[in-house]
Each structure stands twice: as C-alpha cells, then as structure tokens.
Amino acid sequence: MTSQSQTESLNQTLQTDLGRIALALDRLEHAASAREAEMTEMAALKARHRRLKDTVSNELQQLDLLLANLPQKP
C-alpha cells in the first residue's frame, strides 16, 4: 500500500468515525432536550396538582362550615 493510499484510507476512517461521533452527539442532544421538556412538564403538573389540592381543601372547609350551621333535628 502506498503512502497516498494509506493517507486516503486513514482519512476515510477518520471521516467515518467523525460521522459516528456527530450522530452520537445528536442523539445525546435530543435526549437532553426531551428530558428538559419532561422536567418542565412535570413542574407544571406539580403546580397544577398543588392548586387543585388547595381548591379541594378550601371547598371541603366551606362544606364543613355549611354542615355545621344546619339546624339540628329534634
């Protein structure tokens, strides 16, 4: 194998390896973006859950007050 063909072969191998690295980086970036989106969605769901829980708690307190003020049967 001549020096030029060895260089061309090495360049081809390097290009292939660089392509694989680029694909791996793309996959990692995509996974990181997806994870970030999941975390944002989870934070929104937690906030919604907290608001709903507070609303239900307040409504139950109001219901307890109404029931406590009903006239008692003799």
N, C-alpha and C. Protein backbone atom coordinates (compact mmCIF):
# COMPACT_ATOMS: atom_id res chain seq x y z
N MET A 1 0.86 -1.17 0.00
CA MET A 1 0.00 0.00 0.00
C MET A 1 0.90 1.24 0.00
N THR A 2 0.59 2.16 -0.86
CA THR A 2 1.42 3.37 -0.95
C THR A 2 1.06 4.34 0.14
N SER A 3 1.93 5.28 0.32
CA SER A 3 1.72 6.28 1.36
C SER A 3 0.46 7.08 1.09
N GLN A 4 0.20 7.38 -0.18
CA GLN A 4 -1.00 8.16 -0.52
C GLN A 4 -2.26 7.34 -0.26
N SER A 5 -2.26 6.08 -0.58
CA SER A 5 -3.44 5.25 -0.35
C SER A 5 -3.65 5.02 1.14
N GLN A 6 -2.56 4.94 1.90
CA GLN A 6 -2.69 4.83 3.35
C GLN A 6 -3.32 6.10 3.92
N THR A 7 -2.89 7.24 3.42
CA THR A 7 -3.44 8.52 3.87
C THR A 7 -4.92 8.62 3.53
N GLU A 8 -5.27 8.20 2.32
CA GLU A 8 -6.68 8.22 1.91
C GLU A 8 -7.51 7.27 2.77
N SER A 9 -6.97 6.12 3.05
CA SER A 9 -7.67 5.15 3.90
C SER A 9 -7.85 5.70 5.31
N LEU A 10 -6.79 6.33 5.81
CA LEU A 10 -6.88 6.93 7.15
C LEU A 10 -7.90 8.06 7.17
N ASN A 11 -7.90 8.89 6.13
CA ASN A 11 -8.88 9.98 6.04
C ASN A 11 -10.31 9.43 5.99
N GLN A 12 -10.50 8.35 5.25
CA GLN A 12 -11.82 7.74 5.16
C GLN A 12 -12.27 7.22 6.52
N THR A 13 -11.35 6.56 7.23
CA THR A 13 -11.66 6.05 8.56
C THR A 13 -11.98 7.19 9.51
N LEU A 14 -11.19 8.25 9.44
CA LEU A 14 -11.46 9.41 10.30
C LEU A 14 -12.81 10.03 10.00
N GLN A 15 -13.14 10.15 8.73
CA GLN A 15 -14.44 10.71 8.34
C GLN A 15 -15.59 9.85 8.86
N THR A 16 -15.43 8.54 8.75
CA THR A 16 -16.44 7.62 9.26
C THR A 16 -16.59 7.77 10.77
N ASP A 17 -15.47 7.83 11.46
CA ASP A 17 -15.50 7.98 12.91
C ASP A 17 -16.11 9.32 13.33
N LEU A 18 -15.75 10.37 12.62
CA LEU A 18 -16.32 11.69 12.92
C LEU A 18 -17.84 11.71 12.67
N GLY A 19 -18.27 11.01 11.64
CA GLY A 19 -19.70 10.90 11.38
C GLY A 19 -20.43 10.18 12.50
N ARG A 20 -19.83 9.12 13.00
CA ARG A 20 -20.43 8.38 14.12
C ARG A 20 -20.50 9.25 15.38
N ILE A 21 -19.42 10.00 15.63
CA ILE A 21 -19.40 10.89 16.79
C ILE A 21 -20.49 11.96 16.65
N ALA A 22 -20.63 12.52 15.46
CA ALA A 22 -21.66 13.54 15.23
C ALA A 22 -23.05 12.97 15.46
N LEU A 23 -23.30 11.75 15.00
CA LEU A 23 -24.60 11.11 15.22
C LEU A 23 -24.84 10.87 16.71
N ALA A 24 -23.81 10.43 17.41
CA ALA A 24 -23.95 10.19 18.85
C ALA A 24 -24.25 11.50 19.58
N LEU A 25 -23.58 12.57 19.20
CA LEU A 25 -23.84 13.88 19.83
C LEU A 25 -25.26 14.34 19.55
N ASP A 26 -25.74 14.13 18.33
CA ASP A 26 -27.13 14.47 18.00
C ASP A 26 -28.10 13.70 18.88
N ARG A 27 -27.85 12.40 19.06
CA ARG A 27 -28.73 11.59 19.91
C ARG A 27 -28.71 12.10 21.35
N LEU A 28 -27.52 12.44 21.85
CA LEU A 28 -27.41 12.94 23.22
C LEU A 28 -28.13 14.28 23.39
N GLU A 29 -27.97 15.16 22.42
CA GLU A 29 -28.65 16.46 22.48
C GLU A 29 -30.16 16.28 22.44
N HIS A 30 -30.62 15.37 21.60
CA HIS A 30 -32.05 15.10 21.53
C HIS A 30 -32.58 14.55 22.85
N ALA A 31 -31.84 13.62 23.43
CA ALA A 31 -32.24 13.04 24.72
C ALA A 31 -32.25 14.10 25.81
N ALA A 32 -31.27 14.99 25.81
CA ALA A 32 -31.22 16.05 26.82
C ALA A 32 -32.40 17.00 26.65
N SER A 33 -32.74 17.33 25.42
CA SER A 33 -33.87 18.22 25.17
C SER A 33 -35.18 17.56 25.61
N ALA A 34 -35.31 16.28 25.31
CA ALA A 34 -36.52 15.56 25.70
C ALA A 34 -36.64 15.52 27.23
N ARG A 35 -35.53 15.30 27.89
CA ARG A 35 -35.53 15.25 29.37
C ARG A 35 -35.90 16.61 29.94
N GLU A 36 -35.37 17.66 29.35
CA GLU A 36 -35.69 19.01 29.81
C GLU A 36 -37.19 19.29 29.63
N ALA A 37 -37.74 18.86 28.51
CA ALA A 37 -39.18 19.05 28.28
C ALA A 37 -39.99 18.25 29.30
N GLU A 38 -39.56 17.03 29.61
CA GLU A 38 -40.25 16.22 30.61
C GLU A 38 -40.22 16.89 31.98
N MET A 39 -39.08 17.46 32.33
CA MET A 39 -38.96 18.12 33.63
C MET A 39 -39.84 19.36 33.71
N THR A 40 -39.92 20.11 32.61
CA THR A 40 -40.79 21.29 32.56
C THR A 40 -42.24 20.87 32.70
N GLU A 41 -42.63 19.81 32.00
CA GLU A 41 -43.99 19.30 32.09
C GLU A 41 -44.30 18.80 33.50
N MET A 42 -43.34 18.12 34.12
CA MET A 42 -43.54 17.62 35.48
C MET A 42 -43.73 18.78 36.46
N ALA A 43 -42.95 19.84 36.31
CA ALA A 43 -43.10 21.01 37.19
C ALA A 43 -44.49 21.62 37.02
N ALA A 44 -44.96 21.70 35.79
CA ALA A 44 -46.29 22.25 35.53
C ALA A 44 -47.37 21.36 36.15
N LEU A 45 -47.21 20.04 36.04
CA LEU A 45 -48.18 19.11 36.63
C LEU A 45 -48.18 19.21 38.16
N LYS A 46 -47.00 19.37 38.75
CA LYS A 46 -46.93 19.52 40.21
C LYS A 46 -47.63 20.80 40.66
N ALA A 47 -47.43 21.88 39.93
CA ALA A 47 -48.08 23.14 40.28
C ALA A 47 -49.60 23.02 40.13
N ARG A 48 -50.03 22.37 39.06
CA ARG A 48 -51.48 22.16 38.85
C ARG A 48 -52.06 21.29 39.96
N HIS A 49 -51.34 20.25 40.33
CA HIS A 49 -51.80 19.38 41.40
C HIS A 49 -51.94 20.15 42.71
N ARG A 50 -50.95 20.99 43.02
CA ARG A 50 -51.00 21.78 44.25
C ARG A 50 -52.21 22.71 44.25
N ARG A 51 -52.47 23.38 43.12
CA ARG A 51 -53.63 24.29 43.04
C ARG A 51 -54.94 23.52 43.20
N LEU A 52 -55.04 22.38 42.56
CA LEU A 52 -56.25 21.56 42.66
C LEU A 52 -56.45 21.08 44.09
N LYS A 53 -55.37 20.63 44.71
CA LYS A 53 -55.45 20.15 46.09
C LYS A 53 -55.89 21.27 47.03
N ASP A 54 -55.34 22.48 46.83
CA ASP A 54 -55.74 23.62 47.66
C ASP A 54 -57.20 23.98 47.45
N THR A 55 -57.64 23.94 46.19
CA THR A 55 -59.05 24.25 45.88
C THR A 55 -59.98 23.25 46.54
N VAL A 56 -59.66 21.97 46.43
CA VAL A 56 -60.49 20.93 47.04
C VAL A 56 -60.51 21.10 48.56
N SER A 57 -59.39 21.38 49.15
CA SER A 57 -59.31 21.58 50.59
C SER A 57 -60.18 22.75 51.03
N ASN A 58 -60.10 23.87 50.30
CA ASN A 58 -60.93 25.03 50.63
C ASN A 58 -62.41 24.73 50.49
N GLU A 59 -62.77 24.03 49.44
CA GLU A 59 -64.18 23.69 49.23
C GLU A 59 -64.69 22.75 50.32
N LEU A 60 -63.87 21.82 50.75
CA LEU A 60 -64.27 20.93 51.85
C LEU A 60 -64.46 21.70 53.15
N GLN A 61 -63.61 22.68 53.40
CA GLN A 61 -63.77 23.52 54.59
C GLN A 61 -65.09 24.28 54.53
N GLN A 62 -65.42 24.82 53.35
CA GLN A 62 -66.69 25.52 53.19
C GLN A 62 -67.87 24.58 53.41
N LEU A 63 -67.79 23.38 52.91
CA LEU A 63 -68.84 22.40 53.10
C LEU A 63 -68.98 22.04 54.58
N ASP A 64 -67.87 21.88 55.27
CA ASP A 64 -67.91 21.60 56.71
C ASP A 64 -68.60 22.73 57.47
N LEU A 65 -68.33 23.98 57.11
CA LEU A 65 -68.97 25.12 57.76
C LEU A 65 -70.48 25.13 57.49
N LEU A 66 -70.86 24.85 56.26
CA LEU A 66 -72.29 24.79 55.93
C LEU A 66 -72.99 23.69 56.72
N LEU A 67 -72.37 22.53 56.78
CA LEU A 67 -72.98 21.42 57.50
C LEU A 67 -73.07 21.70 59.01
N ALA A 68 -72.07 22.38 59.52
CA ALA A 68 -72.07 22.70 60.95
C ALA A 68 -73.17 23.70 61.31
N ASN A 69 -73.61 24.50 60.37
CA ASN A 69 -74.62 25.53 60.63
C ASN A 69 -76.03 25.09 60.28
N LEU A 70 -76.19 23.86 59.83
CA LEU A 70 -77.55 23.38 59.54
C LEU A 70 -78.30 23.17 60.84
N PRO A 71 -79.62 23.45 60.80
CA PRO A 71 -80.39 23.20 62.02
C PRO A 71 -80.41 21.70 62.35
N GLN A 72 -80.36 21.42 63.61
CA GLN A 72 -80.36 20.04 64.07
C GLN A 72 -81.81 19.55 64.19
N LYS A 73 -82.07 18.29 63.87
CA LYS A 73 -83.40 17.69 64.04
C LYS A 73 -83.59 17.37 65.51
N PRO A 74 -84.77 17.60 65.99
CA PRO A 74 -85.03 17.27 67.41
C PRO A 74 -85.07 15.79 67.67
